[in-house]
């Protein structure tokens, strides 16, 4: 049986080597983990090697403390012909108090590539639940906004 799942969850303990000068988790360390979970989710979904095309809207809502447990929940929100948007939600858990907090959200665009490094077609994701349909629509809106922004940048350069 070949099971392709569009969701992935990773759990990681935040250790002292991940800290910044303020004693919290360094933002760069979190970005690395976000990229890893986006890669895992995208590759697990399409079965091909994938590369990061873009990162949208990394929102750092709360600091993450050393010793907390991070739960990174990733899901394919939208698929194009060769690319997909992976949305990631980060939850931190204080292991002493069992307090959980939504600390970060982000959206990664991942592109599937073949053995020659050329983009390759991926399966179309069909949302079935209400939340999946909302994520699909939100991803389409972000795609449209990125396209509009690129158009505006080109117009400014040529004027």
N, C-alpha and C. Protein backbone atom coordinates (compact mmCIF):
# COMPACT_ATOMS: atom_id res chain seq x y z
N UNK A 1 0.84 -1.19 0.00
CA UNK A 1 0.00 0.00 0.00
C UNK A 1 0.88 1.24 0.00
N UNK A 2 0.57 2.22 -0.83
CA UNK A 2 1.32 3.45 -0.94
C UNK A 2 0.48 4.59 -0.36
N UNK A 3 0.81 5.00 0.84
CA UNK A 3 0.05 6.03 1.52
C UNK A 3 0.76 7.37 1.41
N UNK A 4 0.12 8.34 0.83
CA UNK A 4 0.66 9.70 0.73
C UNK A 4 -0.17 10.58 1.65
N UNK A 5 0.46 11.05 2.69
CA UNK A 5 -0.23 11.87 3.67
C UNK A 5 0.11 13.34 3.42
N UNK A 6 -0.86 14.21 3.56
CA UNK A 6 -0.62 15.64 3.33
C UNK A 6 -0.34 16.39 4.63
N UNK A 7 -0.24 15.67 5.76
CA UNK A 7 0.06 16.30 7.04
C UNK A 7 1.25 15.62 7.70
N UNK A 8 2.02 16.40 8.42
CA UNK A 8 3.18 15.89 9.15
C UNK A 8 3.28 16.65 10.47
N UNK A 9 3.71 15.95 11.50
CA UNK A 9 3.91 16.58 12.79
C UNK A 9 5.27 16.16 13.32
N UNK A 10 6.04 17.14 13.81
CA UNK A 10 7.34 16.87 14.41
C UNK A 10 7.36 17.45 15.81
N UNK A 11 8.01 16.75 16.72
CA UNK A 11 8.15 17.22 18.09
C UNK A 11 9.63 17.29 18.43
N UNK A 12 10.04 18.44 18.98
CA UNK A 12 11.46 18.69 19.25
C UNK A 12 11.60 19.37 20.60
N UNK A 13 12.57 18.94 21.38
CA UNK A 13 12.90 19.59 22.63
C UNK A 13 13.86 20.74 22.35
N UNK A 14 13.58 21.92 22.88
CA UNK A 14 14.44 23.08 22.69
C UNK A 14 15.58 22.99 23.71
N UNK A 15 16.79 22.87 23.21
CA UNK A 15 17.96 22.66 24.05
C UNK A 15 18.82 23.93 24.12
N UNK A 16 19.72 24.02 25.11
CA UNK A 16 20.52 25.24 25.29
C UNK A 16 21.33 25.65 24.06
N UNK A 17 21.76 24.71 23.22
CA UNK A 17 22.52 25.07 22.03
C UNK A 17 21.67 25.81 20.99
N UNK A 18 20.37 25.90 21.20
CA UNK A 18 19.46 26.60 20.29
C UNK A 18 19.17 28.02 20.76
N UNK A 19 19.83 28.47 21.83
CA UNK A 19 19.44 29.75 22.44
C UNK A 19 20.11 30.95 21.78
N UNK A 20 19.45 32.09 21.93
CA UNK A 20 20.01 33.37 21.52
C UNK A 20 20.59 34.06 22.77
N UNK A 21 21.05 35.29 22.63
CA UNK A 21 21.66 35.98 23.76
C UNK A 21 20.66 36.35 24.84
N UNK A 22 19.38 36.30 24.51
CA UNK A 22 18.33 36.61 25.49
C UNK A 22 17.87 35.39 26.27
N UNK A 23 18.40 34.22 25.93
CA UNK A 23 18.05 33.01 26.66
C UNK A 23 16.84 32.30 26.11
N UNK A 24 16.31 32.75 24.99
CA UNK A 24 15.20 32.08 24.33
C UNK A 24 15.73 31.37 23.08
N UNK A 25 14.84 30.67 22.40
CA UNK A 25 15.23 30.00 21.16
C UNK A 25 15.58 31.03 20.10
N UNK A 26 16.70 30.83 19.43
CA UNK A 26 17.14 31.72 18.35
C UNK A 26 16.20 31.57 17.17
N UNK A 27 15.79 32.70 16.57
CA UNK A 27 14.88 32.68 15.44
C UNK A 27 15.40 31.88 14.26
N UNK A 28 16.72 31.93 14.03
CA UNK A 28 17.32 31.18 12.94
C UNK A 28 17.20 29.67 13.15
N UNK A 29 17.31 29.25 14.40
CA UNK A 29 17.13 27.82 14.71
C UNK A 29 15.71 27.38 14.40
N UNK A 30 14.75 28.25 14.73
CA UNK A 30 13.36 27.92 14.43
C UNK A 30 13.12 27.88 12.93
N UNK A 31 13.69 28.84 12.19
CA UNK A 31 13.53 28.83 10.74
C UNK A 31 14.08 27.54 10.12
N UNK A 32 15.19 27.06 10.64
CA UNK A 32 15.76 25.80 10.15
C UNK A 32 14.78 24.65 10.38
N UNK A 33 14.18 24.60 11.57
CA UNK A 33 13.21 23.54 11.86
C UNK A 33 11.97 23.67 10.98
N UNK A 34 11.53 24.90 10.74
CA UNK A 34 10.37 25.12 9.88
C UNK A 34 10.66 24.59 8.47
N UNK A 35 11.85 24.86 7.96
CA UNK A 35 12.22 24.39 6.64
C UNK A 35 12.26 22.86 6.61
N UNK A 36 12.77 22.25 7.68
CA UNK A 36 12.84 20.79 7.73
C UNK A 36 11.44 20.16 7.74
N UNK A 37 10.52 20.72 8.52
CA UNK A 37 9.18 20.13 8.57
C UNK A 37 8.43 20.39 7.27
N UNK A 38 8.67 21.55 6.63
CA UNK A 38 8.05 21.82 5.33
C UNK A 38 8.55 20.82 4.29
N UNK A 39 9.87 20.59 4.30
CA UNK A 39 10.47 19.61 3.38
C UNK A 39 9.87 18.22 3.61
N UNK A 40 9.81 17.81 4.86
CA UNK A 40 9.30 16.47 5.19
C UNK A 40 7.85 16.32 4.75
N UNK A 41 7.03 17.32 5.05
CA UNK A 41 5.62 17.27 4.68
C UNK A 41 5.45 17.21 3.16
N UNK A 42 6.17 18.08 2.45
CA UNK A 42 6.05 18.14 0.99
C UNK A 42 6.55 16.86 0.33
N UNK A 43 7.70 16.37 0.78
CA UNK A 43 8.25 15.15 0.17
C UNK A 43 7.38 13.94 0.49
N UNK A 44 6.89 13.90 1.71
CA UNK A 44 6.00 12.81 2.10
C UNK A 44 4.74 12.80 1.23
N UNK A 45 4.25 14.00 0.91
CA UNK A 45 3.04 14.10 0.09
C UNK A 45 3.29 13.66 -1.35
N UNK A 46 4.34 14.22 -1.96
CA UNK A 46 4.50 13.99 -3.41
C UNK A 46 5.45 12.85 -3.76
N UNK A 47 6.30 12.43 -2.82
CA UNK A 47 7.21 11.32 -3.10
C UNK A 47 8.43 11.71 -3.91
N UNK A 48 8.64 13.00 -4.13
CA UNK A 48 9.81 13.49 -4.85
C UNK A 48 10.66 14.35 -3.93
N UNK A 49 11.92 14.51 -4.31
CA UNK A 49 12.78 15.47 -3.65
C UNK A 49 12.14 16.84 -3.86
N UNK A 50 12.19 17.70 -2.86
CA UNK A 50 11.61 19.03 -2.98
C UNK A 50 12.61 20.08 -2.52
N UNK A 51 12.45 21.28 -3.04
CA UNK A 51 13.28 22.42 -2.63
C UNK A 51 12.36 23.56 -2.20
N UNK A 52 12.89 24.41 -1.36
CA UNK A 52 12.13 25.57 -0.90
C UNK A 52 12.21 26.67 -1.94
N UNK A 53 11.05 27.12 -2.41
CA UNK A 53 10.99 28.23 -3.36
C UNK A 53 10.86 29.55 -2.63
N UNK A 54 9.95 29.59 -1.64
CA UNK A 54 9.75 30.84 -0.91
C UNK A 54 9.18 30.56 0.47
N UNK A 55 9.34 31.55 1.31
CA UNK A 55 8.79 31.51 2.67
C UNK A 55 7.97 32.77 2.84
N UNK A 56 6.71 32.59 3.18
CA UNK A 56 5.82 33.74 3.38
C UNK A 56 5.44 33.84 4.85
N UNK A 57 5.37 35.06 5.31
CA UNK A 57 4.67 35.34 6.55
C UNK A 57 5.10 34.48 7.73
N UNK A 58 6.40 34.52 8.05
CA UNK A 58 6.84 33.86 9.29
C UNK A 58 6.51 34.84 10.41
N UNK A 59 5.58 34.46 11.24
CA UNK A 59 5.10 35.34 12.31
C UNK A 59 5.57 34.79 13.64
N UNK A 60 6.43 35.54 14.33
CA UNK A 60 6.92 35.16 15.66
C UNK A 60 5.98 35.80 16.68
N UNK A 61 5.04 35.01 17.19
CA UNK A 61 4.02 35.54 18.10
C UNK A 61 4.48 35.59 19.55
N UNK A 62 5.24 34.59 19.97
CA UNK A 62 5.67 34.46 21.37
C UNK A 62 7.09 33.91 21.41
N UNK A 63 7.87 34.29 22.42
CA UNK A 63 9.20 33.67 22.54
C UNK A 63 9.08 32.20 22.93
N UNK A 64 10.07 31.43 22.54
CA UNK A 64 10.13 30.01 22.89
C UNK A 64 11.29 29.85 23.87
N UNK A 65 11.01 29.28 25.01
CA UNK A 65 12.02 29.15 26.05
C UNK A 65 12.79 27.82 25.93
N UNK A 66 14.03 27.88 26.37
CA UNK A 66 14.85 26.68 26.41
C UNK A 66 14.19 25.69 27.38
N UNK A 67 14.13 24.42 26.98
CA UNK A 67 13.51 23.39 27.80
C UNK A 67 12.06 23.11 27.43
N UNK A 68 11.48 23.96 26.57
CA UNK A 68 10.11 23.70 26.13
C UNK A 68 10.12 22.67 25.00
N UNK A 69 8.98 22.05 24.84
CA UNK A 69 8.78 21.10 23.77
C UNK A 69 8.07 21.82 22.63
N UNK A 70 8.57 21.65 21.41
CA UNK A 70 7.93 22.27 20.24
C UNK A 70 7.19 21.20 19.46
N UNK A 71 5.97 21.52 19.08
CA UNK A 71 5.20 20.67 18.19
C UNK A 71 5.00 21.47 16.91
N UNK A 72 5.56 20.99 15.81
CA UNK A 72 5.44 21.66 14.51
C UNK A 72 4.44 20.87 13.69
N UNK A 73 3.30 21.49 13.38
CA UNK A 73 2.25 20.84 12.62
C UNK A 73 2.23 21.43 11.21
N UNK A 74 2.52 20.58 10.23
CA UNK A 74 2.60 21.02 8.85
C UNK A 74 1.53 20.33 8.01
N UNK A 75 0.99 21.06 7.03
CA UNK A 75 -0.01 20.48 6.14
C UNK A 75 0.11 21.11 4.76
N UNK A 76 -0.08 20.28 3.74
CA UNK A 76 -0.17 20.80 2.38
C UNK A 76 -1.50 21.53 2.28
N UNK A 77 -1.43 22.82 1.97
CA UNK A 77 -2.64 23.63 1.86
C UNK A 77 -3.15 23.72 0.43
N UNK A 78 -2.21 23.68 -0.51
CA UNK A 78 -2.55 23.95 -1.91
C UNK A 78 -1.50 23.29 -2.79
N UNK A 79 -1.91 22.79 -3.94
CA UNK A 79 -0.96 22.28 -4.92
C UNK A 79 -1.19 22.94 -6.26
N UNK A 80 -0.09 23.25 -6.92
CA UNK A 80 -0.12 23.68 -8.31
C UNK A 80 0.34 22.50 -9.15
N UNK A 81 0.96 22.81 -10.26
CA UNK A 81 1.43 21.76 -11.16
C UNK A 81 2.68 21.06 -10.61
N UNK A 82 3.64 21.86 -10.13
CA UNK A 82 4.89 21.30 -9.61
C UNK A 82 5.21 21.78 -8.20
N UNK A 83 4.41 22.69 -7.68
CA UNK A 83 4.70 23.27 -6.37
C UNK A 83 3.51 23.10 -5.44
N UNK A 84 3.79 23.31 -4.17
CA UNK A 84 2.73 23.22 -3.16
C UNK A 84 3.03 24.20 -2.04
N UNK A 85 1.97 24.68 -1.40
CA UNK A 85 2.13 25.49 -0.20
C UNK A 85 1.98 24.58 1.00
N UNK A 86 2.93 24.68 1.92
CA UNK A 86 2.87 23.96 3.19
C UNK A 86 2.70 24.98 4.29
N UNK A 87 1.61 24.87 5.03
CA UNK A 87 1.38 25.74 6.18
C UNK A 87 1.90 25.07 7.43
N UNK A 88 2.51 25.87 8.31
CA UNK A 88 3.09 25.31 9.54
C UNK A 88 2.62 26.12 10.73
N UNK A 89 2.20 25.40 11.75
CA UNK A 89 1.79 25.99 13.02
C UNK A 89 2.70 25.42 14.10
N UNK A 90 3.29 26.29 14.92
CA UNK A 90 4.20 25.86 15.97
C UNK A 90 3.55 26.09 17.33
N UNK A 91 3.52 25.03 18.11
CA UNK A 91 2.98 25.07 19.47
C UNK A 91 4.13 24.77 20.42
N UNK A 92 4.27 25.57 21.48
CA UNK A 92 5.26 25.24 22.50
C UNK A 92 4.54 24.72 23.73
N UNK A 93 5.20 23.81 24.41
CA UNK A 93 4.64 23.25 25.64
C UNK A 93 5.66 23.37 26.76
N UNK A 94 5.27 24.02 27.84
CA UNK A 94 6.09 24.07 29.04
C UNK A 94 5.89 22.74 29.76
N UNK A 95 6.93 21.95 29.85
CA UNK A 95 6.81 20.60 30.41
C UNK A 95 6.56 20.60 31.92
N UNK A 96 6.91 21.70 32.59
CA UNK A 96 6.67 21.79 34.03
C UNK A 96 5.21 22.08 34.35
N UNK A 97 4.61 22.96 33.57
CA UNK A 97 3.25 23.41 33.87
C UNK A 97 2.20 22.84 32.93
N UNK A 98 2.64 22.15 31.88
CA UNK A 98 1.76 21.63 30.83
C UNK A 98 1.01 22.74 30.09
N UNK A 99 1.54 23.95 30.13
CA UNK A 99 0.95 25.08 29.41
C UNK A 99 1.38 25.03 27.95
N UNK A 100 0.42 25.20 27.06
CA UNK A 100 0.72 25.22 25.63
C UNK A 100 0.43 26.61 25.07
N UNK A 101 1.18 26.96 24.03
CA UNK A 101 1.06 28.30 23.44
C UNK A 101 1.35 28.22 21.94
N UNK A 102 0.51 28.86 21.14
CA UNK A 102 0.77 28.97 19.70
C UNK A 102 1.81 30.07 19.53
N UNK A 103 3.02 29.68 19.12
CA UNK A 103 4.11 30.64 19.06
C UNK A 103 4.41 31.17 17.66
N UNK A 104 4.17 30.39 16.64
CA UNK A 104 4.56 30.78 15.29
C UNK A 104 3.66 30.17 14.24
N UNK A 105 3.57 30.89 13.11
CA UNK A 105 2.90 30.37 11.92
C UNK A 105 3.71 30.78 10.71
N UNK A 106 3.67 29.97 9.66
CA UNK A 106 4.36 30.32 8.43
C UNK A 106 3.81 29.52 7.26
N UNK A 107 4.19 29.95 6.06
CA UNK A 107 3.79 29.27 4.83
C UNK A 107 5.02 29.14 3.94
N UNK A 108 5.32 27.92 3.53
CA UNK A 108 6.46 27.63 2.66
C UNK A 108 5.93 27.15 1.32
N UNK A 109 6.53 27.62 0.24
CA UNK A 109 6.23 27.08 -1.08
C UNK A 109 7.37 26.15 -1.46
N UNK A 110 7.03 24.91 -1.71
CA UNK A 110 8.00 23.87 -2.03
C UNK A 110 7.77 23.40 -3.47
N UNK A 111 8.86 23.12 -4.18
CA UNK A 111 8.79 22.66 -5.57
C UNK A 111 9.40 21.26 -5.65
N UNK A 112 8.68 20.36 -6.29
CA UNK A 112 9.18 19.00 -6.51
C UNK A 112 10.14 19.01 -7.69
N UNK A 113 11.26 18.30 -7.52
CA UNK A 113 12.24 18.22 -8.60
C UNK A 113 12.61 16.76 -8.87
N UNK A 114 12.99 16.49 -10.12
CA UNK A 114 13.39 15.13 -10.50
C UNK A 114 14.89 14.94 -10.26
N UNK A 115 15.42 13.81 -10.69
CA UNK A 115 16.83 13.49 -10.48
C UNK A 115 17.78 14.44 -11.20
N UNK A 116 17.27 15.16 -12.21
CA UNK A 116 18.08 16.13 -12.95
C UNK A 116 17.91 17.55 -12.43
N UNK A 117 17.17 17.70 -11.34
CA UNK A 117 16.97 19.03 -10.77
C UNK A 117 15.91 19.86 -11.46
N UNK A 118 15.14 19.25 -12.34
CA UNK A 118 14.07 19.96 -13.06
C UNK A 118 12.76 19.77 -12.31
N UNK A 119 11.95 20.81 -12.30
CA UNK A 119 10.65 20.68 -11.62
C UNK A 119 9.82 19.59 -12.28
N UNK A 120 9.05 18.90 -11.44
CA UNK A 120 8.28 17.76 -11.92
C UNK A 120 6.87 17.80 -11.34
N UNK A 121 5.93 17.24 -12.07
CA UNK A 121 4.52 17.28 -11.68
C UNK A 121 4.29 16.54 -10.36
N UNK A 122 3.33 17.05 -9.60
CA UNK A 122 2.95 16.43 -8.33
C UNK A 122 1.46 16.10 -8.35
N UNK A 123 1.03 15.21 -7.46
CA UNK A 123 -0.40 14.91 -7.38
C UNK A 123 -1.19 16.14 -6.93
N UNK A 124 -2.38 16.28 -7.44
CA UNK A 124 -3.25 17.38 -7.02
C UNK A 124 -3.86 17.04 -5.67
N UNK A 125 -3.76 17.99 -4.76
CA UNK A 125 -4.39 17.82 -3.46
C UNK A 125 -5.84 18.28 -3.56
N UNK A 126 -6.75 17.45 -3.10
CA UNK A 126 -8.16 17.80 -3.10
C UNK A 126 -8.64 17.96 -1.66
N UNK A 127 -8.90 19.19 -1.25
CA UNK A 127 -9.36 19.39 0.13
C UNK A 127 -10.74 18.78 0.33
N UNK A 128 -10.93 18.16 1.49
CA UNK A 128 -12.22 17.53 1.76
C UNK A 128 -12.92 18.12 2.98
N UNK A 129 -12.15 18.52 3.99
CA UNK A 129 -12.79 19.06 5.19
C UNK A 129 -12.96 20.57 5.05
N UNK A 130 -13.76 21.15 5.90
CA UNK A 130 -13.97 22.60 5.86
C UNK A 130 -12.67 23.36 6.09
N UNK A 131 -11.84 22.88 7.03
CA UNK A 131 -10.57 23.57 7.31
C UNK A 131 -9.63 23.45 6.13
N UNK A 132 -9.59 22.29 5.46
CA UNK A 132 -8.74 22.13 4.27
C UNK A 132 -9.21 23.04 3.15
N UNK A 133 -10.52 23.18 2.99
CA UNK A 133 -11.05 24.07 1.95
C UNK A 133 -10.71 25.53 2.24
N UNK A 134 -10.79 25.91 3.50
CA UNK A 134 -10.43 27.28 3.89
C UNK A 134 -8.94 27.52 3.66
N UNK A 135 -8.10 26.57 4.02
CA UNK A 135 -6.65 26.71 3.79
C UNK A 135 -6.34 26.82 2.31
N UNK A 136 -7.05 26.04 1.47
CA UNK A 136 -6.87 26.10 0.02
C UNK A 136 -7.20 27.50 -0.50
N UNK A 137 -8.34 28.03 -0.08
CA UNK A 137 -8.75 29.37 -0.51
C UNK A 137 -7.77 30.44 -0.02
N UNK A 138 -7.32 30.31 1.22
CA UNK A 138 -6.35 31.26 1.76
C UNK A 138 -5.03 31.19 0.99
N UNK A 139 -4.61 29.99 0.62
CA UNK A 139 -3.38 29.82 -0.16
C UNK A 139 -3.53 30.45 -1.55
N UNK A 140 -4.69 30.27 -2.17
CA UNK A 140 -4.93 30.91 -3.47
C UNK A 140 -4.85 32.43 -3.36
N UNK A 141 -5.39 32.97 -2.27
CA UNK A 141 -5.33 34.41 -2.05
C UNK A 141 -3.89 34.87 -1.91
N UNK A 142 -3.07 34.14 -1.12
CA UNK A 142 -1.66 34.50 -0.95
C UNK A 142 -0.93 34.43 -2.29
N UNK A 143 -1.23 33.40 -3.08
CA UNK A 143 -0.61 33.26 -4.40
C UNK A 143 -0.95 34.46 -5.28
N UNK A 144 -2.20 34.85 -5.26
CA UNK A 144 -2.65 36.01 -6.05
C UNK A 144 -1.94 37.28 -5.59
N UNK A 145 -1.79 37.45 -4.28
CA UNK A 145 -1.13 38.64 -3.74
C UNK A 145 0.35 38.66 -4.12
N UNK A 146 1.03 37.50 -4.09
CA UNK A 146 2.43 37.44 -4.49
C UNK A 146 2.58 37.82 -5.96
N UNK A 147 1.67 37.31 -6.78
CA UNK A 147 1.70 37.62 -8.21
C UNK A 147 1.49 39.11 -8.44
N UNK A 148 0.55 39.68 -7.74
CA UNK A 148 0.27 41.12 -7.86
C UNK A 148 1.47 41.95 -7.42
N UNK A 149 2.12 41.54 -6.35
CA UNK A 149 3.30 42.24 -5.86
C UNK A 149 4.43 42.18 -6.88
N UNK A 150 4.62 41.02 -7.51
CA UNK A 150 5.65 40.88 -8.54
C UNK A 150 5.36 41.79 -9.73
N UNK A 151 4.09 41.88 -10.10
CA UNK A 151 3.69 42.76 -11.21
C UNK A 151 4.02 44.21 -10.89
N UNK A 152 3.70 44.62 -9.67
CA UNK A 152 3.97 45.99 -9.25
C UNK A 152 5.46 46.29 -9.22
N UNK A 153 6.27 45.34 -8.80
CA UNK A 153 7.72 45.52 -8.77
C UNK A 153 8.26 45.71 -10.17
N UNK A 154 7.77 44.90 -11.13
CA UNK A 154 8.19 45.01 -12.52
C UNK A 154 7.81 46.36 -13.10
N UNK A 155 6.60 46.83 -12.78
CA UNK A 155 6.13 48.12 -13.29
C UNK A 155 7.01 49.26 -12.76
N UNK A 156 7.39 49.18 -11.48
CA UNK A 156 8.22 50.22 -10.88
C UNK A 156 9.62 50.23 -11.52
N UNK A 157 10.15 49.05 -11.82
CA UNK A 157 11.47 48.97 -12.42
C UNK A 157 11.48 49.57 -13.83
N UNK A 158 10.38 49.35 -14.57
CA UNK A 158 10.35 49.82 -15.96
C UNK A 158 9.93 51.28 -16.08
N UNK A 159 9.54 51.90 -14.97
CA UNK A 159 9.14 53.32 -15.09
C UNK A 159 10.22 54.25 -14.62
